[in-house]
Every structure is written in C-alpha cells, then in structure tokens.
Protein backbone atom coordinates (compact mmCIF):
# COMPACT_ATOMS: atom_id res chain seq x y z
CA MET A 1 14.36 30.67 -35.12
CA LEU A 2 11.02 30.31 -33.36
CA SER A 3 9.38 31.69 -36.47
CA GLN A 4 10.70 28.70 -38.43
CA PHE A 5 8.51 26.29 -36.42
CA THR A 6 5.15 25.50 -37.88
CA LEU A 7 2.08 24.93 -35.81
CA GLN A 8 2.42 21.20 -36.55
CA ASP A 9 6.04 21.23 -35.28
CA LEU A 10 4.92 22.85 -32.05
CA GLY A 11 2.15 20.25 -31.74
CA ASN A 12 4.64 17.42 -32.24
CA LEU A 13 6.95 18.95 -29.66
CA GLY A 14 4.05 19.20 -27.23
CA GLU A 15 3.17 15.53 -27.78
CA PHE A 16 6.79 14.53 -27.21
CA VAL A 17 7.02 16.54 -23.97
CA GLY A 18 3.69 15.06 -22.85
CA ALA A 19 4.84 11.50 -23.59
CA LEU A 20 8.09 12.17 -21.75
CA GLY A 21 6.07 13.38 -18.76
CA VAL A 22 3.99 10.19 -18.80
CA VAL A 23 7.14 8.01 -18.87
CA ILE A 24 8.69 9.97 -15.98
CA SER A 25 5.44 9.66 -13.99
CA LEU A 26 5.32 5.90 -14.60
CA LEU A 27 8.92 5.50 -13.46
CA TYR A 28 8.16 7.50 -10.32
CA LEU A 29 5.05 5.43 -9.57
CA THR A 30 7.02 2.21 -10.08
CA LYS A 31 9.60 3.38 -7.54
CA GLN A 32 6.86 4.37 -5.07
CA MET A 33 5.16 0.98 -5.45
CA GLN A 34 8.45 -0.84 -4.80
CA GLN A 35 9.01 1.21 -1.65
CA ASN A 36 5.43 0.56 -0.54
CA THR A 37 5.81 -3.18 -1.13
CA THR A 38 8.98 -3.21 0.96
CA SER A 39 7.24 -1.33 3.76
CA VAL A 40 4.22 -3.65 3.71
CA ARG A 41 6.45 -6.74 3.79
CA ALA A 42 8.47 -5.35 6.69
CA ALA A 43 5.32 -4.52 8.66
CA SER A 44 3.86 -7.94 7.90
CA PHE A 45 7.02 -9.70 9.00
CA ASN A 46 7.17 -7.62 12.18
CA SER A 47 3.60 -8.66 12.95
CA MET A 48 4.47 -12.34 12.44
CA VAL A 49 7.47 -12.06 14.78
CA GLN A 50 5.35 -10.31 17.40
CA ASN A 51 2.78 -13.11 17.19
CA SER A 52 5.53 -15.69 17.68
CA MET A 53 6.88 -13.80 20.67
CA ARG A 54 3.41 -13.51 22.25
CA ILE A 55 2.93 -17.27 21.99
CA LEU A 56 6.36 -17.96 23.51
CA GLU A 57 6.16 -15.25 26.15
CA HIS A 58 4.06 -17.28 28.56
CA SER A 59 6.70 -20.00 28.60
CA TYR A 60 9.50 -17.78 29.80
CA VAL A 61 7.51 -15.32 31.94
CA ASP A 62 5.18 -17.70 33.76
CA SER A 63 6.85 -20.70 35.42
CA GLU A 64 3.45 -22.29 36.13
CA PHE A 65 2.65 -22.20 32.41
CA ALA A 66 6.11 -23.55 31.55
CA ASP A 67 5.48 -26.48 33.92
CA PHE A 68 2.01 -27.06 32.41
CA LEU A 69 3.45 -26.95 28.88
CA HIS A 70 6.17 -29.43 29.77
CA ARG A 71 3.60 -31.85 31.23
CA ALA A 72 1.28 -31.40 28.25
CA GLU A 73 4.06 -32.03 25.75
CA THR A 74 5.37 -35.01 27.71
CA ASP A 75 2.06 -36.78 28.44
CA PRO A 76 -1.20 -34.93 27.71
CA SER A 77 -3.22 -37.80 29.23
CA THR A 78 -2.12 -36.64 32.70
CA LEU A 79 -3.78 -33.23 32.34
CA SER A 80 -6.81 -32.26 34.36
CA ALA A 81 -9.99 -31.30 32.50
CA ALA A 82 -9.15 -27.60 32.81
CA GLU A 83 -5.59 -28.20 31.66
CA ALA A 84 -6.85 -30.21 28.68
CA VAL A 85 -8.94 -27.19 27.63
CA ARG A 86 -5.87 -25.00 28.10
CA TRP A 87 -3.75 -27.37 25.99
CA HIS A 88 -6.38 -27.41 23.24
CA ALA A 89 -6.58 -23.59 23.21
CA TYR A 90 -2.79 -23.27 23.20
CA MET A 91 -2.33 -25.75 20.37
CA THR A 92 -5.13 -24.15 18.35
CA SER A 93 -3.45 -20.76 18.63
CA VAL A 94 -0.01 -22.18 17.78
CA TYR A 95 -1.27 -24.03 14.72
CA ARG A 96 -3.29 -20.98 13.62
CA HIS A 97 -0.03 -19.06 13.82
CA PHE A 98 1.74 -21.65 11.67
CA GLY A 99 -1.22 -21.62 9.27
CA ASN A 100 -0.79 -17.88 8.93
CA LEU A 101 2.93 -18.33 8.27
CA VAL A 102 2.22 -20.92 5.56
CA TYR A 103 -0.21 -18.48 3.95
CA GLN A 104 2.15 -15.50 4.23
CA TYR A 105 4.92 -17.52 2.58
CA ARG A 106 2.60 -18.71 -0.18
CA VAL A 107 1.50 -15.16 -1.07
CA GLY A 108 5.06 -13.83 -0.95
CA ALA A 109 4.82 -11.76 2.24
CA LEU A 110 7.41 -13.94 3.99
CA ASP A 111 10.74 -14.53 2.29
CA ARG A 112 12.29 -17.96 1.88
CA GLU A 113 15.00 -17.57 4.54
CA MET A 114 12.50 -16.60 7.25
CA TRP A 115 10.01 -19.24 6.14
CA GLU A 116 12.69 -21.93 6.39
CA SER A 117 13.43 -20.89 9.99
CA TYR A 118 9.74 -21.21 10.89
CA GLU A 119 9.56 -24.49 9.00
CA ARG A 120 12.45 -25.88 11.10
CA THR A 121 10.66 -24.69 14.24
CA LEU A 122 7.53 -26.58 13.22
CA GLU A 123 9.61 -29.69 12.43
CA ASN A 124 11.18 -29.47 15.87
CA HIS A 125 7.79 -29.20 17.61
CA LEU A 126 6.39 -32.12 15.62
CA ARG A 127 9.15 -34.39 16.91
CA LYS A 128 7.19 -34.34 20.16
CA PRO A 129 4.43 -36.95 19.85
CA ALA A 130 1.95 -34.74 21.72
CA TRP A 131 2.19 -32.05 19.05
CA SER A 132 1.85 -34.46 16.17
CA GLU A 133 -0.99 -36.43 17.76
CA TRP A 134 -2.91 -33.27 18.69
CA PHE A 135 -2.75 -32.01 15.12
CA GLU A 136 -3.79 -35.37 13.71
CA GLN A 137 -6.88 -35.34 15.93
CA HIS A 138 -7.79 -31.75 15.05
CA LYS A 139 -6.49 -31.17 11.51
CA THR A 140 -9.98 -30.55 10.13
CA LEU A 141 -9.92 -27.23 12.03
CA PHE A 142 -7.13 -25.96 9.80
CA SER A 143 -6.41 -25.26 6.15
CA THR A 144 -5.35 -28.01 3.80
CA SER A 145 -2.18 -25.98 3.15
CA LEU A 146 -1.25 -26.27 6.83
CA ALA A 147 -2.12 -29.98 6.93
CA GLU A 148 0.14 -30.56 3.91
CA GLN A 149 2.93 -28.55 5.56
CA VAL A 150 2.58 -30.54 8.77
CA GLU A 151 2.96 -33.76 6.79
CA ARG A 152 6.07 -32.43 5.04
CA SER A 153 7.48 -31.27 8.39
CA ARG A 154 6.77 -34.64 10.00
CA ALA A 155 8.57 -36.41 7.16
CA ALA A 156 11.53 -34.02 7.41
CA GLY A 157 11.68 -34.52 11.18
CA ARG A 158 11.87 -38.30 10.76
CA ALA A 159 14.61 -38.09 8.13
C-alpha cells in the first residue's frame, strides 16, 4: 500500500501533519496565555489588597495614629504643624492608592466587582469633608482619571 503513494502524496501528507502541528501549538499557547493572564491578575489583585491593608494597618495597630486620624478627619485645622505634614503625607498615599486602583480597573487588571467595592470605600471616605476638601486643594498632584473618579464618587455619596 505504501508503494501506491507518490512523492507528491507524501509531500501533501507532510504538509497536513505540519499544519496540524501548528494548530495544536497555537491552541496550547492560547491556553498558556490564559493561565498566565489569570496568574498576573491574581498577583496584581493581591498586591492591591496588601497596599490597602498597609494603609489601614496603622489605624488598628497604633492607637495614637487612630486618634490623630480621627482628629484630622474631624477638623484638620486643629492639627499641629507636624500633624499637618503627617495628614498631607497620609492623604497623598491614600489617594495615590486610589489612583492606582482607578488605573488597574481601567486596564482590566481589577474586575468590576472588586472595583465597585473600592469605589464604595472612596465614596464613604469622601462623605467626610476633610477628605473631600483635602483632595480639592491638592488634585493637581493626581491623574485626571482619579480627579474624575473623585467627582463621580462625591456625586454618588450625595445621592
């Protein structure tokens, strides 16, 4: 039976097997890329959660900081010069964190459900006049995407 195949038939068979190999390789690579994307998203989300926890940690570990934060959020005008610097640094880091979250959501690294939970957190913070006023005074330090999100969150918090 092998003798019935011509050289052209064997060539065609070789091309078919080669094309089949390419298709199988492409399917394998697609699967690997999907798994890699999932891993990258999970690592990225874990990093965002760790950043959130680091920001919050001072509030529940350090009672002096918790007292300072309460005073700053209630009436920042009562802060000493050193405390005002501390408040500015804290707010800068918090808003940088939210800016990162806005970016991560925009590029698809943060899914909608998690973004909405962070969005509600921002809305809750912005109900405190000190948070809203601080951002208004310093919004040029941040991306326009964050400034737009803050405005949307303010509006949602008033609704």
